[in-house]
Amino acid sequence: MKGKFITFEGSEGCGKSTQSKLLYQYLKRKGFKVVYLREPGGTKVSEKLRKILLDSKNDSMAPMAEMLLYMAARAQIVHEVIVPALKNGSIVICDRFLDSTIAYQGYGLGVDIKLIKCVGEMATSGIKPDFTIFLDLPLKKGLKHRRQSKDRIEKRSLAYHSRVLEGYLKLAHLEPKRIKIVKVHKDKFKTQSEIRKLVDKFLCHFKI
């Protein structure tokens, strides 16, 4: 793959969408070919699966079904968008990827993590992020941002979200070269500045 794959991870309300879009705009201004995506979503099929996954009415969904639906959405976006973009030499920025499933369905819901990684290897065609930004924000602050119109995942208990956060921190500890922890500041541009420094260093040898 000629391109680079950058992902954003974090618990609810941490500002992933805002920060990932700001980075996308920053890299475009610098002259890079950049593709921006969100998960689940990014294709017609994946967006339909997103609606099913986040619909708060689907409260009886089994953990295994939830995990497999996320993987199905991921398999489609990898096949349809991510692989072609990376082959084309683009930088792909994705709001969430496989780490999310390990954290949310693995550590959060108790689905076997080895199984998630095995299914993930197939769903992603072996594609892995080259660089990951994990946005670290205290849980209660993040969930406070989501008081109104919560989706199916956001409505889960604080204990569940605590397990998710703990899972993310374990992943970051296991892969410190790839996963960089960035503290979320009240000023979003201060947070973005720290992200840009890390990404600039990562891309210093990447040709436009």
Protein backbone atom coordinates (compact mmCIF):
# COMPACT_ATOMS: atom_id res chain seq x y z
CA MET A 1 0.00 0.00 0.00
CA LYS A 2 1.38 3.39 -1.04
CA GLY A 3 -0.85 5.41 1.29
CA LYS A 4 -1.10 5.79 5.05
CA PHE A 5 -3.99 4.80 7.31
CA ILE A 6 -4.70 7.00 10.35
CA THR A 7 -7.51 6.20 12.79
CA PHE A 8 -9.13 8.04 15.69
CA GLU A 9 -10.40 6.20 18.75
CA GLY A 10 -11.94 7.14 22.08
CA SER A 11 -14.93 6.80 24.36
CA GLU A 12 -18.24 8.61 23.91
CA GLY A 13 -18.19 12.39 23.63
CA CYS A 14 -14.40 12.70 23.41
CA GLY A 15 -14.50 14.75 20.18
CA LYS A 16 -13.24 12.19 17.65
CA SER A 17 -15.38 13.50 14.82
CA THR A 18 -14.34 17.11 15.42
CA GLN A 19 -10.64 16.34 15.77
CA SER A 20 -10.47 13.89 12.87
CA LYS A 21 -12.19 16.40 10.54
CA LEU A 22 -9.85 19.18 11.65
CA LEU A 23 -6.86 16.96 10.85
CA TYR A 24 -8.37 16.07 7.47
CA GLN A 25 -8.70 19.76 6.60
CA TYR A 26 -5.17 20.48 7.85
CA LEU A 27 -3.58 17.74 5.73
CA LYS A 28 -5.56 18.78 2.65
CA ARG A 29 -4.26 22.32 3.03
CA LYS A 30 -0.73 20.90 3.17
CA GLY A 31 -1.29 19.29 -0.24
CA PHE A 32 -1.84 15.66 0.72
CA LYS A 33 -4.41 13.44 -0.97
CA VAL A 34 -6.74 12.66 1.93
CA VAL A 35 -9.88 10.56 2.31
CA TYR A 36 -12.12 11.00 5.36
CA LEU A 37 -14.37 8.21 6.66
CA ARG A 38 -16.39 7.23 9.70
CA GLU A 39 -17.23 3.83 11.13
CA PRO A 40 -19.66 2.26 10.92
CA GLY A 41 -20.55 3.96 7.65
CA GLY A 42 -18.81 5.40 4.63
CA THR A 43 -20.68 3.35 2.02
CA LYS A 44 -24.39 2.81 1.23
CA VAL A 45 -24.34 -0.67 2.76
CA SER A 46 -22.32 0.39 5.82
CA GLU A 47 -24.54 3.42 6.51
CA LYS A 48 -27.63 1.17 6.55
CA LEU A 49 -25.88 -1.12 9.03
CA ARG A 50 -24.98 1.95 11.11
CA LYS A 51 -28.66 2.84 11.47
CA ILE A 52 -29.43 -0.68 12.72
CA LEU A 53 -26.50 -0.68 15.15
CA LEU A 54 -27.21 2.73 16.69
CA ASP A 55 -31.02 2.60 16.76
CA SER A 56 -31.98 2.65 20.44
CA LYS A 57 -35.07 0.57 19.64
CA ASN A 58 -32.83 -2.43 18.87
CA ASP A 59 -32.15 -3.02 22.56
CA SER A 60 -32.40 -6.81 22.35
CA MET A 61 -29.44 -7.24 19.98
CA ALA A 62 -27.09 -10.05 21.06
CA PRO A 63 -23.44 -9.09 21.66
CA MET A 64 -22.29 -11.54 18.97
CA ALA A 65 -24.78 -10.12 16.45
CA GLU A 66 -23.60 -6.61 17.30
CA MET A 67 -19.96 -7.54 16.76
CA LEU A 68 -20.68 -9.25 13.44
CA LEU A 69 -22.72 -6.31 12.13
CA TYR A 70 -19.84 -3.94 12.89
CA MET A 71 -17.52 -6.32 11.05
CA ALA A 72 -19.88 -6.50 8.07
CA ALA A 73 -19.95 -2.70 7.80
CA ARG A 74 -16.14 -2.68 8.11
CA ALA A 75 -15.64 -5.33 5.44
CA GLN A 76 -17.64 -3.23 2.99
CA ILE A 77 -15.80 0.04 3.64
CA VAL A 78 -12.41 -1.71 3.45
CA HIS A 79 -13.29 -3.31 0.11
CA GLU A 80 -15.06 -0.31 -1.41
CA VAL A 81 -13.06 2.66 -0.12
CA ILE A 82 -10.03 2.03 2.11
CA VAL A 83 -8.05 -0.44 -0.02
CA PRO A 84 -8.48 1.55 -3.28
CA ALA A 85 -7.53 4.80 -1.52
CA LEU A 86 -4.39 3.33 0.06
CA LYS A 87 -3.36 1.78 -3.26
CA ASN A 88 -3.81 5.22 -4.81
CA GLY A 89 -1.35 6.70 -2.33
CA SER A 90 -3.89 8.63 -0.26
CA ILE A 91 -3.88 9.25 3.46
CA VAL A 92 -7.04 7.67 4.86
CA ILE A 93 -8.41 9.17 8.08
CA CYS A 94 -11.06 7.03 9.74
CA ASP A 95 -13.20 7.86 12.77
CA ARG A 96 -13.02 4.42 14.51
CA PHE A 97 -11.81 1.05 13.22
CA LEU A 98 -11.09 -2.44 14.61
CA ASP A 99 -9.80 -1.12 17.96
CA SER A 100 -13.35 0.10 18.63
CA THR A 101 -14.79 -3.39 18.28
CA ILE A 102 -12.15 -4.85 20.58
CA ALA A 103 -12.89 -2.14 23.18
CA TYR A 104 -16.69 -1.93 22.90
CA GLN A 105 -17.75 -5.48 22.08
CA GLY A 106 -14.71 -7.25 23.55
CA TYR A 107 -13.85 -5.49 26.80
CA GLY A 108 -17.28 -3.86 27.06
CA LEU A 109 -19.63 -6.74 26.26
CA GLY A 110 -17.37 -9.73 26.90
CA VAL A 111 -17.19 -11.12 23.35
CA ASP A 112 -14.01 -13.21 23.08
CA ILE A 113 -11.21 -10.88 22.01
CA LYS A 114 -9.30 -13.60 20.15
CA LEU A 115 -12.45 -14.24 18.12
CA ILE A 116 -12.87 -10.52 17.40
CA LYS A 117 -9.28 -10.31 16.15
CA CYS A 118 -9.76 -13.43 14.00
CA VAL A 119 -12.97 -12.13 12.40
CA GLY A 120 -11.37 -8.70 12.14
CA GLU A 121 -8.45 -10.09 10.15
CA MET A 122 -10.93 -11.37 7.56
CA ALA A 123 -13.18 -8.30 7.58
CA THR A 124 -10.26 -5.90 7.09
CA SER A 125 -8.39 -8.06 4.55
CA GLY A 126 -5.42 -7.69 6.92
CA ILE A 127 -5.45 -3.88 6.67
CA LYS A 128 -4.26 -2.28 9.91
CA PRO A 129 -3.91 1.38 10.91
CA ASP A 130 -0.42 2.79 10.55
CA PHE A 131 -1.11 5.39 13.23
CA THR A 132 -3.88 5.82 15.80
CA ILE A 133 -4.87 8.80 17.93
CA PHE A 134 -6.67 7.86 21.15
CA LEU A 135 -8.50 10.84 22.65
CA ASP A 136 -8.46 10.55 26.42
CA LEU A 137 -11.34 12.27 28.24
CA PRO A 138 -12.87 11.40 31.65
CA LEU A 139 -15.98 9.29 31.07
CA LYS A 140 -18.46 11.50 32.90
CA LYS A 141 -17.37 14.55 30.90
CA GLY A 142 -17.82 12.70 27.62
CA LEU A 143 -21.19 11.21 28.52
CA LYS A 144 -22.36 14.63 29.72
CA HIS A 145 -21.93 15.84 26.13
CA ARG A 146 -24.33 13.09 25.05
CA ARG A 147 -27.26 13.84 27.36
CA GLN A 148 -29.66 14.53 24.52
CA SER A 149 -30.64 12.05 21.79
CA LYS A 150 -28.40 9.21 22.95
CA ASP A 151 -27.93 6.27 20.58
CA ARG A 152 -28.11 2.59 21.59
CA ILE A 153 -24.45 2.39 22.64
CA GLU A 154 -24.35 5.72 24.48
CA LYS A 155 -27.33 4.68 26.64
CA ARG A 156 -25.37 1.85 28.26
CA SER A 157 -24.27 1.98 31.89
CA LEU A 158 -21.27 3.84 33.27
CA ALA A 159 -19.81 0.45 34.24
CA TYR A 160 -19.94 -0.64 30.60
CA HIS A 161 -18.24 2.54 29.38
CA SER A 162 -15.61 2.14 32.12
CA ARG A 163 -14.75 -1.31 30.75
CA VAL A 164 -14.51 0.15 27.25
CA LEU A 165 -12.12 2.88 28.41
CA GLU A 166 -10.03 0.35 30.33
CA GLY A 167 -9.86 -1.78 27.19
CA TYR A 168 -8.64 1.14 25.11
CA LEU A 169 -5.90 1.91 27.62
CA LYS A 170 -4.78 -1.74 27.54
CA LEU A 171 -4.57 -1.60 23.75
CA ALA A 172 -2.54 1.61 23.92
CA HIS A 173 -0.19 -0.03 26.43
CA LEU A 174 0.27 -3.03 24.11
CA GLU A 175 0.97 -0.92 20.99
CA PRO A 176 2.60 2.35 22.13
CA LYS A 177 4.31 2.95 18.78
CA ARG A 178 1.01 2.95 16.90
CA ILE A 179 -1.48 4.24 19.46
CA LYS A 180 -0.76 7.70 20.81
CA ILE A 181 -2.78 8.98 23.77
CA VAL A 182 -3.83 12.63 23.51
CA LYS A 183 -5.50 14.35 26.46
CA VAL A 184 -8.63 16.24 25.46
CA HIS A 185 -8.45 19.93 26.38
CA LYS A 186 -11.35 22.33 26.82
CA ASP A 187 -9.98 24.26 23.84
CA LYS A 188 -10.42 21.97 20.82
CA PHE A 189 -7.64 23.78 18.95
CA LYS A 190 -5.16 23.03 21.73
CA THR A 191 -6.05 19.35 21.39
CA GLN A 192 -5.73 19.61 17.61
CA SER A 193 -2.31 21.24 17.93
CA GLU A 194 -1.02 18.24 19.87
CA ILE A 195 -2.52 15.87 17.29
CA ARG A 196 -0.90 17.76 14.40
CA LYS A 197 2.53 17.58 16.02
CA LEU A 198 2.24 13.81 16.36
CA VAL A 199 0.90 13.33 12.83
CA ASP A 200 3.48 15.67 11.27
CA LYS A 201 6.23 13.62 12.92
CA PHE A 202 4.63 10.39 11.68
CA LEU A 203 4.32 11.72 8.11
CA CYS A 204 7.70 13.46 7.93
CA HIS A 205 9.02 10.97 5.35
CA PHE A 206 5.73 10.51 3.48
CA LYS A 207 5.83 12.05 0.00
CA ILE A 208 2.94 14.24 -1.21
